[in-house]
Structure formats: structure tokens, C-alpha cells
Protein backbone atom coordinates (compact mmCIF):
# COMPACT_ATOMS: atom_id res chain seq x y z
CA MET A 1 -257.60 201.33 217.05
CA ALA A 2 -259.08 198.40 219.03
CA LYS A 3 -260.77 197.10 215.84
CA LEU A 4 -257.90 197.24 213.50
CA LEU A 5 -256.08 195.25 216.41
CA ARG A 6 -258.57 192.77 216.54
CA ARG A 7 -258.15 192.54 212.58
CA SER A 8 -254.49 191.95 212.54
CA LEU A 9 -255.06 189.36 215.47
CA SER A 10 -257.77 187.51 213.24
CA THR A 11 -254.32 186.51 210.68
CA LEU A 12 -251.68 186.51 213.17
CA TRP A 13 -249.68 182.97 213.16
CA THR A 14 -247.98 182.28 216.18
CA VAL A 15 -245.13 179.49 217.37
CA LEU A 16 -246.21 177.66 219.64
CA GLY A 17 -244.21 175.32 222.07
CA LEU A 18 -245.45 171.99 220.01
CA ALA A 19 -243.41 170.33 217.72
CA VAL A 20 -243.89 167.35 215.13
CA LEU A 21 -242.28 164.01 215.43
CA LEU A 22 -240.10 163.47 212.67
CA SER A 23 -237.85 160.69 212.02
CA ALA A 24 -234.24 162.18 211.31
CA VAL A 25 -232.61 160.31 208.53
CA THR A 26 -234.35 157.68 206.18
CA ALA A 27 -232.74 155.42 203.23
CA ALA A 28 -233.86 157.00 199.68
CA ASP A 29 -236.83 154.27 199.59
CA GLY A 30 -238.14 155.87 202.60
CA VAL A 31 -237.54 153.42 205.23
CA PRO A 32 -235.51 154.51 208.54
CA THR A 33 -231.82 154.08 208.58
CA TYR A 34 -230.23 153.24 211.78
CA ARG A 35 -227.33 155.92 212.47
CA PHE A 36 -223.15 155.03 212.43
CA ILE A 37 -221.88 155.76 216.33
CA GLY A 38 -218.32 154.09 215.97
CA ALA A 39 -216.41 151.49 215.01
CA TRP A 40 -213.00 149.67 215.92
CA GLY A 41 -210.58 147.40 214.42
CA SER A 42 -207.80 147.35 211.91
CA PRO A 43 -206.31 144.98 209.35
CA CYS A 44 -204.18 142.22 210.95
CA GLN A 45 -202.65 139.17 209.65
CA LEU A 46 -200.85 137.75 212.00
CA TYR A 47 -199.93 134.21 210.21
CA ASP A 48 -198.93 135.68 207.38
CA PRO A 49 -195.06 136.75 206.97
CA GLY A 50 -194.16 139.80 208.23
CA GLN A 51 -197.54 140.16 210.28
CA PRO A 52 -199.11 142.43 207.55
CA GLY A 53 -200.78 145.35 209.53
CA CYS A 54 -200.30 144.06 213.00
CA VAL A 55 -198.98 146.58 215.55
CA ASP A 56 -198.65 146.02 219.23
CA PRO A 57 -201.58 148.50 220.87
CA ASP A 58 -199.43 149.52 223.87
CA ASP A 59 -196.01 149.72 222.98
CA ASP A 60 -194.47 146.62 225.04
CA GLY A 61 -196.90 146.78 227.64
CA PRO A 62 -199.55 143.97 229.00
CA LEU A 63 -201.34 143.74 225.39
CA GLN A 64 -199.81 142.01 222.36
CA VAL A 65 -199.35 142.45 218.77
CA GLY A 66 -202.28 142.32 217.18
CA ASP A 67 -204.80 142.53 219.81
CA GLY A 68 -208.13 144.33 219.03
CA GLN A 69 -206.94 143.86 215.33
CA PHE A 70 -208.70 141.49 212.99
CA GLY A 71 -207.31 138.98 210.18
CA LEU A 72 -211.14 138.60 209.42
CA ALA A 73 -214.17 139.60 211.24
CA LEU A 74 -217.28 137.29 211.22
CA GLY A 75 -219.26 135.84 213.99
CA ILE A 76 -220.43 137.94 216.69
CA ALA A 77 -222.20 137.52 220.31
CA VAL A 78 -222.70 139.24 223.06
CA GLU A 79 -222.62 138.23 226.61
CA PRO A 80 -224.79 138.55 229.43
CA ALA A 81 -222.64 141.16 230.90
CA GLY A 82 -222.43 143.34 227.51
CA THR A 83 -219.23 142.16 226.51
CA VAL A 84 -218.47 140.95 223.02
CA LEU A 85 -216.62 138.23 221.51
CA ILE A 86 -215.87 138.15 218.06
CA VAL A 87 -214.42 135.77 215.84
CA ASP A 88 -211.22 136.65 214.17
CA SER A 89 -211.28 133.97 211.45
CA ALA A 90 -208.35 134.13 209.25
CA ASN A 91 -206.05 135.01 213.02
CA HIS A 92 -207.53 131.48 214.06
CA ARG A 93 -209.34 133.16 217.47
CA VAL A 94 -212.30 134.18 219.35
CA GLN A 95 -211.78 138.04 220.92
CA ARG A 96 -213.72 139.20 223.59
CA PHE A 97 -214.13 143.41 223.92
CA THR A 98 -216.22 145.86 226.14
CA SER A 99 -219.34 147.30 224.18
CA GLU A 100 -217.58 149.91 222.93
CA GLY A 101 -214.49 148.38 221.57
CA GLN A 102 -211.80 148.02 224.33
CA PHE A 103 -209.55 145.02 223.88
CA MET A 104 -210.44 142.55 226.93
CA GLY A 105 -208.78 138.99 226.04
CA GLN A 106 -208.82 136.52 223.55
CA ILE A 107 -209.49 132.50 223.33
CA SER A 108 -207.77 129.99 221.65
CA SER A 109 -204.72 130.05 219.01
CA LYS A 110 -203.86 128.58 215.43
CA GLY A 111 -203.57 124.69 215.43
CA ALA A 112 -205.55 121.31 215.71
CA GLY A 113 -205.31 120.56 219.33
CA ASP A 114 -208.07 120.87 222.18
CA GLY A 115 -209.06 124.71 222.23
CA GLN A 116 -207.18 125.36 218.89
CA PHE A 117 -209.10 126.68 216.17
CA ASN A 118 -208.58 126.43 211.85
CA GLN A 119 -210.58 129.01 210.72
CA PRO A 120 -213.27 129.54 213.00
CA THR A 121 -216.63 131.44 212.08
CA ASP A 122 -219.21 131.52 214.74
CA VAL A 123 -219.63 131.73 218.12
CA ALA A 124 -222.74 131.54 220.73
CA MET A 125 -223.47 131.23 224.04
CA ALA A 126 -225.53 129.25 225.83
CA PRO A 127 -227.56 130.42 229.06
CA ASP A 128 -225.65 128.91 231.33
CA GLY A 129 -222.54 130.72 230.02
CA THR A 130 -220.75 128.01 227.88
CA ILE A 131 -219.36 129.32 224.83
CA TYR A 132 -219.81 127.19 221.21
CA VAL A 133 -217.69 127.89 218.34
CA THR A 134 -218.04 126.45 214.87
CA ASP A 135 -214.26 125.64 214.02
CA SER A 136 -214.57 125.63 210.64
CA GLY A 137 -211.44 124.47 208.93
CA ALA A 138 -211.15 121.76 211.28
CA ASN A 139 -215.17 120.52 210.47
CA ARG A 140 -216.09 120.22 214.37
CA VAL A 141 -217.77 122.54 217.11
CA GLN A 142 -215.43 123.46 220.23
CA HIS A 143 -217.11 124.52 224.10
CA PHE A 144 -215.59 126.73 226.24
CA ALA A 145 -216.00 127.87 229.84
CA PRO A 146 -216.80 131.57 230.43
CA ALA A 147 -213.39 132.11 230.95
CA GLY A 148 -212.37 130.29 227.94
CA GLY A 149 -211.01 127.32 229.33
CA PHE A 150 -211.86 124.28 226.62
CA LEU A 151 -214.45 121.74 228.06
CA GLY A 152 -214.72 119.66 224.79
CA ALA A 153 -215.54 119.18 220.68
CA PHE A 154 -217.57 117.17 219.00
CA GLY A 155 -218.06 116.57 215.09
CA GLY A 156 -215.81 115.68 212.85
CA PRO A 157 -215.57 115.68 208.57
CA GLY A 158 -218.16 113.95 206.81
CA SER A 159 -221.74 113.87 205.85
CA ALA A 160 -223.10 110.96 208.38
CA SER A 161 -225.59 112.73 211.11
CA GLY A 162 -223.43 114.57 213.63
CA HIS A 163 -220.56 115.69 211.21
CA PHE A 164 -219.67 118.02 209.68
CA ASN A 165 -218.43 119.60 205.72
CA ASP A 166 -217.75 123.65 206.48
CA PRO A 167 -219.77 124.15 209.77
CA ARG A 168 -220.89 128.09 210.10
CA GLY A 169 -223.84 129.75 211.87
CA ILE A 170 -224.37 128.26 215.76
CA ALA A 171 -227.04 128.97 217.87
CA THR A 172 -228.11 127.81 221.46
CA PHE A 173 -231.31 127.67 223.55
CA ALA A 174 -232.45 126.46 227.03
CA PHE A 175 -235.64 124.32 227.08
CA GLY A 176 -236.31 123.92 230.54
CA GLU A 177 -232.87 123.30 231.89
CA THR A 178 -232.08 121.41 229.00
CA ILE A 179 -229.27 123.05 226.13
CA THR A 180 -229.92 122.46 222.73
CA VAL A 181 -227.06 123.67 220.19
CA PHE A 182 -228.17 124.44 216.33
CA VAL A 183 -225.28 124.45 213.89
CA ALA A 184 -225.79 125.19 210.02
CA ASP A 185 -223.81 122.33 208.21
CA ARG A 186 -223.38 124.36 205.12
CA LEU A 187 -221.49 122.34 202.45
CA ASN A 188 -223.75 119.50 203.80
CA ASN A 189 -226.88 121.85 203.12
CA ARG A 190 -229.00 121.34 206.68
CA VAL A 191 -229.27 122.34 210.14
CA GLN A 192 -227.95 119.79 212.76
CA ARG A 193 -229.68 119.87 216.38
CA PHE A 194 -227.45 118.93 219.34
CA THR A 195 -227.22 118.38 223.04
CA GLY A 196 -225.28 120.81 225.02
CA GLU A 197 -222.62 117.77 224.98
CA GLY A 198 -222.81 117.85 221.54
CA THR A 199 -224.72 114.60 221.42
CA PHE A 200 -226.93 114.90 217.73
CA VAL A 201 -230.32 114.62 218.14
CA ALA A 202 -231.56 115.91 214.37
CA SER A 203 -230.97 117.48 210.94
CA TRP A 204 -233.38 119.35 208.86
CA ASP A 205 -232.59 120.09 204.90
CA GLY A 206 -235.45 123.14 205.15
CA THR A 207 -238.39 121.19 203.14
CA GLY A 208 -241.58 120.58 204.48
CA GLY A 209 -243.95 123.02 206.03
CA VAL A 210 -244.26 126.20 203.73
CA SER A 211 -241.12 125.36 202.07
CA THR A 212 -240.85 123.41 198.71
CA ILE A 213 -237.20 123.65 198.32
CA PRO A 214 -234.29 122.20 200.52
CA PHE A 215 -231.32 124.69 202.02
CA ASN A 216 -228.51 126.07 199.69
CA ARG A 217 -225.70 126.95 201.68
CA PRO A 218 -227.06 127.77 205.12
CA ASP A 219 -224.61 129.83 207.46
CA GLY A 220 -226.20 132.47 209.91
CA LEU A 221 -228.78 130.93 212.67
CA ALA A 222 -230.77 132.98 215.55
CA VAL A 223 -233.01 131.77 217.75
CA ASP A 224 -236.33 133.80 219.05
CA ALA A 225 -237.64 133.74 222.47
CA SER A 226 -240.06 130.96 222.00
CA GLY A 227 -237.05 128.66 220.14
CA ASN A 228 -238.23 129.22 216.97
CA LEU A 229 -234.96 128.88 214.58
CA TYR A 230 -233.88 131.49 211.88
CA VAL A 231 -232.11 130.25 208.99
CA ALA A 232 -230.04 132.73 206.86
CA ASP A 233 -230.36 130.39 203.70
CA SER A 234 -227.73 132.30 201.73
CA PHE A 235 -227.47 130.50 197.88
CA ASN A 236 -231.52 130.83 198.46
CA HIS A 237 -231.64 134.44 198.89
CA ARG A 238 -234.18 133.85 201.97
CA VAL A 239 -234.30 133.46 205.76
CA VAL A 240 -236.33 130.57 206.82
CA ARG A 241 -237.83 130.48 210.51
CA LEU A 242 -238.38 126.83 211.80
CA SER A 243 -240.15 125.64 214.43
CA PRO A 244 -237.74 123.66 217.15
CA GLU A 245 -238.89 120.45 215.67
CA GLY A 246 -237.16 121.97 212.48
CA VAL A 247 -240.55 122.35 210.56
CA PRO A 248 -240.34 125.20 208.28
CA LEU A 249 -243.28 127.77 209.42
CA ALA A 250 -242.46 131.07 207.26
CA ILE A 251 -240.25 132.19 204.49
CA LEU A 252 -238.60 136.19 204.43
CA GLY A 253 -237.51 137.37 201.40
CA GLY A 254 -236.26 136.25 198.31
CA LEU A 255 -233.68 137.75 195.87
CA GLY A 256 -233.98 141.43 195.16
CA SER A 257 -232.56 144.80 196.10
CA GLU A 258 -236.49 145.98 197.36
CA PRO A 259 -237.08 146.47 201.12
CA GLY A 260 -237.56 143.06 202.61
CA ARG A 261 -235.79 140.68 200.11
CA PHE A 262 -232.28 139.48 199.79
CA ASP A 263 -228.50 139.42 198.33
CA THR A 264 -226.74 136.82 199.72
CA PRO A 265 -228.21 136.68 203.57
CA VAL A 266 -225.60 135.29 205.78
CA GLY A 267 -225.85 136.69 209.38
CA VAL A 268 -229.30 136.94 211.11
CA SER A 269 -230.07 137.96 214.82
CA VAL A 270 -233.36 138.23 216.79
CA ASP A 271 -234.14 140.50 219.51
CA HIS A 272 -235.96 138.84 222.25
CA ASN A 273 -237.68 141.75 223.61
CA THR A 274 -238.94 142.96 220.37
CA GLY A 275 -239.17 139.93 218.22
CA SER A 276 -237.82 142.03 215.44
CA VAL A 277 -235.25 139.91 212.99
CA TYR A 278 -231.79 141.55 211.95
CA VAL A 279 -230.41 140.37 208.46
CA VAL A 280 -226.83 140.95 207.16
CA GLU A 281 -226.39 140.71 203.29
CA ASP A 282 -223.21 140.01 202.00
CA LEU A 283 -223.24 141.01 198.41
CA GLY A 284 -226.13 143.38 199.30
CA ASN A 285 -223.77 145.42 201.71
CA ARG A 286 -226.53 146.25 204.18
CA VAL A 287 -228.60 145.12 207.23
CA GLN A 288 -232.52 145.05 207.41
CA LYS A 289 -234.65 145.31 210.59
CA LEU A 290 -238.22 143.48 209.93
CA THR A 291 -240.97 142.51 211.62
CA PRO A 292 -240.94 138.56 212.12
CA ALA A 293 -243.51 138.31 209.22
CA GLY A 294 -240.68 140.09 206.99
CA SER A 295 -241.98 143.37 206.94
CA PRO A 296 -239.03 146.20 206.88
CA ILE A 297 -238.57 148.54 209.80
CA ALA A 298 -235.45 149.80 208.73
CA ILE A 299 -232.36 149.69 206.08
CA TRP A 300 -229.06 150.98 206.32
CA GLY A 301 -225.36 150.23 204.36
CA ARG A 302 -223.95 150.44 201.05
CA GLY A 303 -220.83 148.95 199.85
CA GLY A 304 -217.85 150.91 200.59
CA THR A 305 -215.12 151.85 203.53
CA GLY A 306 -216.55 154.92 204.81
CA ASP A 307 -218.46 155.45 208.28
CA GLY A 308 -221.49 153.03 208.01
CA GLU A 309 -220.79 151.23 204.44
CA PHE A 310 -219.58 147.55 204.40
CA ASN A 311 -217.45 145.69 202.47
CA SER A 312 -218.83 141.77 203.16
CA PRO A 313 -220.96 142.35 206.42
CA TYR A 314 -221.15 138.87 207.72
CA ASP A 315 -223.02 139.02 211.20
CA VAL A 316 -225.18 141.08 213.71
CA ALA A 317 -225.55 140.87 217.32
CA ILE A 318 -227.94 143.55 219.52
CA SER A 319 -227.22 144.79 222.61
CA GLN A 320 -228.93 147.23 224.86
CA GLY A 321 -230.58 148.57 221.66
CA ILE A 322 -227.18 149.02 219.75
CA VAL A 323 -226.78 146.90 217.01
CA LEU A 324 -223.15 145.79 216.38
CA VAL A 325 -222.31 144.40 212.60
CA THR A 326 -218.83 142.99 211.73
CA ASP A 327 -217.68 144.20 208.49
CA ALA A 328 -215.74 141.14 207.11
CA GLY A 329 -213.90 142.79 204.19
CA ASN A 330 -213.18 146.01 206.19
CA ARG A 331 -211.79 144.23 209.11
CA ARG A 332 -213.59 146.03 211.60
CA VAL A 333 -216.81 146.10 214.16
CA GLN A 334 -219.48 148.78 213.26
CA ARG A 335 -222.07 150.52 216.02
CA PHE A 336 -225.34 151.66 215.12
CA ALA A 337 -228.20 153.31 216.96
CA PRO A 338 -231.73 153.60 216.16
CA PRO A 339 -233.13 156.31 213.99
CA SER A 340 -232.92 159.81 215.76
CA ARG A 341 -235.81 161.59 216.02
CA SER A 342 -236.16 165.82 215.51
CA TYR A 343 -238.65 168.34 216.50
CA LEU A 344 -239.68 170.82 213.93
CA PRO A 345 -241.59 173.81 215.35
CA LEU A 346 -245.30 174.00 214.48
CA LEU A 347 -246.92 177.14 213.17
CA ILE A 348 -250.85 177.28 214.38
CA LYS A 349 -252.98 180.21 213.05
CA VAL A 350 -254.67 181.87 216.07
CA ARG A 351 -257.93 183.69 215.40
CA SER A 352 -259.51 186.32 217.97
């Protein structure tokens, strides 16, 4: 009997408390994909006759008709406290939310005066808390105190230095105690650099260094922890990394649907903790997470109206590991978490 038992044990498979760490979700090409965890917003056109789609969120309470809804959700920025600023372009305002999407307030309204907007596009916050907004329809940049009070404006229509023709992306960085503002001057096919007060410093067309072709409709901007500038060069289907002096240092992407390539990139963000680069593709209807050299880390999204699907997404921001994406055509903001992990039991053959 003992001999028979030993023979049985020699071929016994037992389940141990070990596991293999596996990615729970991957894209069809094997690249990990982020998980949809929520969304907020719905369509509202405040300035159209009858205010189509707009509702009073608390039935004559403190909130007003259209609060928390979007006519067109474009630029996004995360404040140090974790609150989120969203440019609602078609409703000519910037809205502030908690990181989970609860409406907190708004900046500005439609108009041409100080502190008013005409189809704003993007928003950025300087290290000192100053809020900068590209007021695209007015061809200017306005800046505000953290609570929303108007501080000043610079720019104006034209192609001269310091002027704009459809300013889009905006980013800020502090070199020492000096605040620098970068603006994508889309239809002038250049990026301009300013002081925090709006004094023109320089402009770049995207050539030099590793780049032989100029910008073609530059859009979203982001700055890494060293002050290098990433430019979503949308019609060239690439992202260009510039030095703080405007010299092209690297080119990411190129036209295509393969991982690491783009179809009309418009939004870009850089995680200062890891250096990872997030790129939003307008016509590709997806988001890619890349290394600074452009190697794909994760890809998610496709065209549609469902959870995790996009209709012309525009911008991206990172808040404590959660990725926020403005889904412009669907008039909403979507939230995504990194790929989840699951543990599967591992069968171990034990011989006696």
C-alpha cells in the first residue's frame, strides 16, 4: 500500500498558493489598454435658440441651466488640488469640476470684453496658480487668478510676432522663478513663447535639429519635467519634442494606425513622474501612452458613443494615475484607469 501511495504522489498535481500575474485586458495587437471607469457631461448649447439639451441640474437650486454640461469639451488641465478645468468652447466658458466630475463653478461667458470668451480652446495652469486660456475666436490669450478673476490678455489677430491666427494649445513652465507660456499658433503654423505677463520671446516653425519639415497645424502642447516642449503637429501626424529654446530633439509617430503612429494627433500630455507621453488622435479616435522615445505602452479607444469610445477626442490630462480625456463630439469627459491585473492559479507538479 505504501509503495502504491508513493507512485500516486509521483504524478500528483497540486494547486499551490502561487499565481501568475497577467494583464487583464489587451488590445488586439497585444498592447495593454486602459479601463473605462466613468464619465460626466451631456450635450447643451446655451447660446442656440431654445438652449437645446440644456437642463437645470438641481431644479432652481444654486446651480444654473447648463452647469456641468458641454457644447464642445476641448482643453483640459488639472489643478494642484486635483480639481479639473475643462474648456467648454461652444458655450464660451471654462468649467471647474472635482476629479470625479462634480460641477464646482465656471469662468467667463460669451463676449469680447475682458474676461469674456469667443470659442476658447485650451487651458493651462502656471505653477503660481495663474490660469491661461487660449481665446481662439478673439485670437488672444487671457489669464486669470486661481479663483477666476481677470488679470490680463495678450495677442491679437495677425501674423506678426506676438499675434495669433487661431491659437490652440497652451502650456506653461517655470524656469527658476520665471514663468514661460507656450502657445500653438495653429493657422500661422508656429509655436510662440511668451513671458508669464505676455511679452513675446520667440517663435518656432518646427524645423531644425532632427526635423526638416515645418509644422502643419500645430495643436496641443505639453511640457515635461525638464522644460522640453511636446507639440501635437496634427496635419503632419506626429508629435515633435522641442528643447526649451525651440530646437527639435525627437519626432514621435507618423501617419498610420499601427501602435506608435497617429491619425491627426491633437492633444498631448506628459506625466512628470514617469515621463510617459499621452497622445489623443482626433481622426484615430483613440489614446496612446508612449515612452519619451515613442514606443507604445498602452492604446485604447475606438469610434463610437459607448463607454470607452470616442467621437473626435481632443485633449488628455493625468490626475493621480487616472487619465482624463475630453470626448469632444460626445460632449463629455471620460475617466480611465491603468490596466487591471488578475491572478490565475499555477499548477505545480510535485514528486515524492
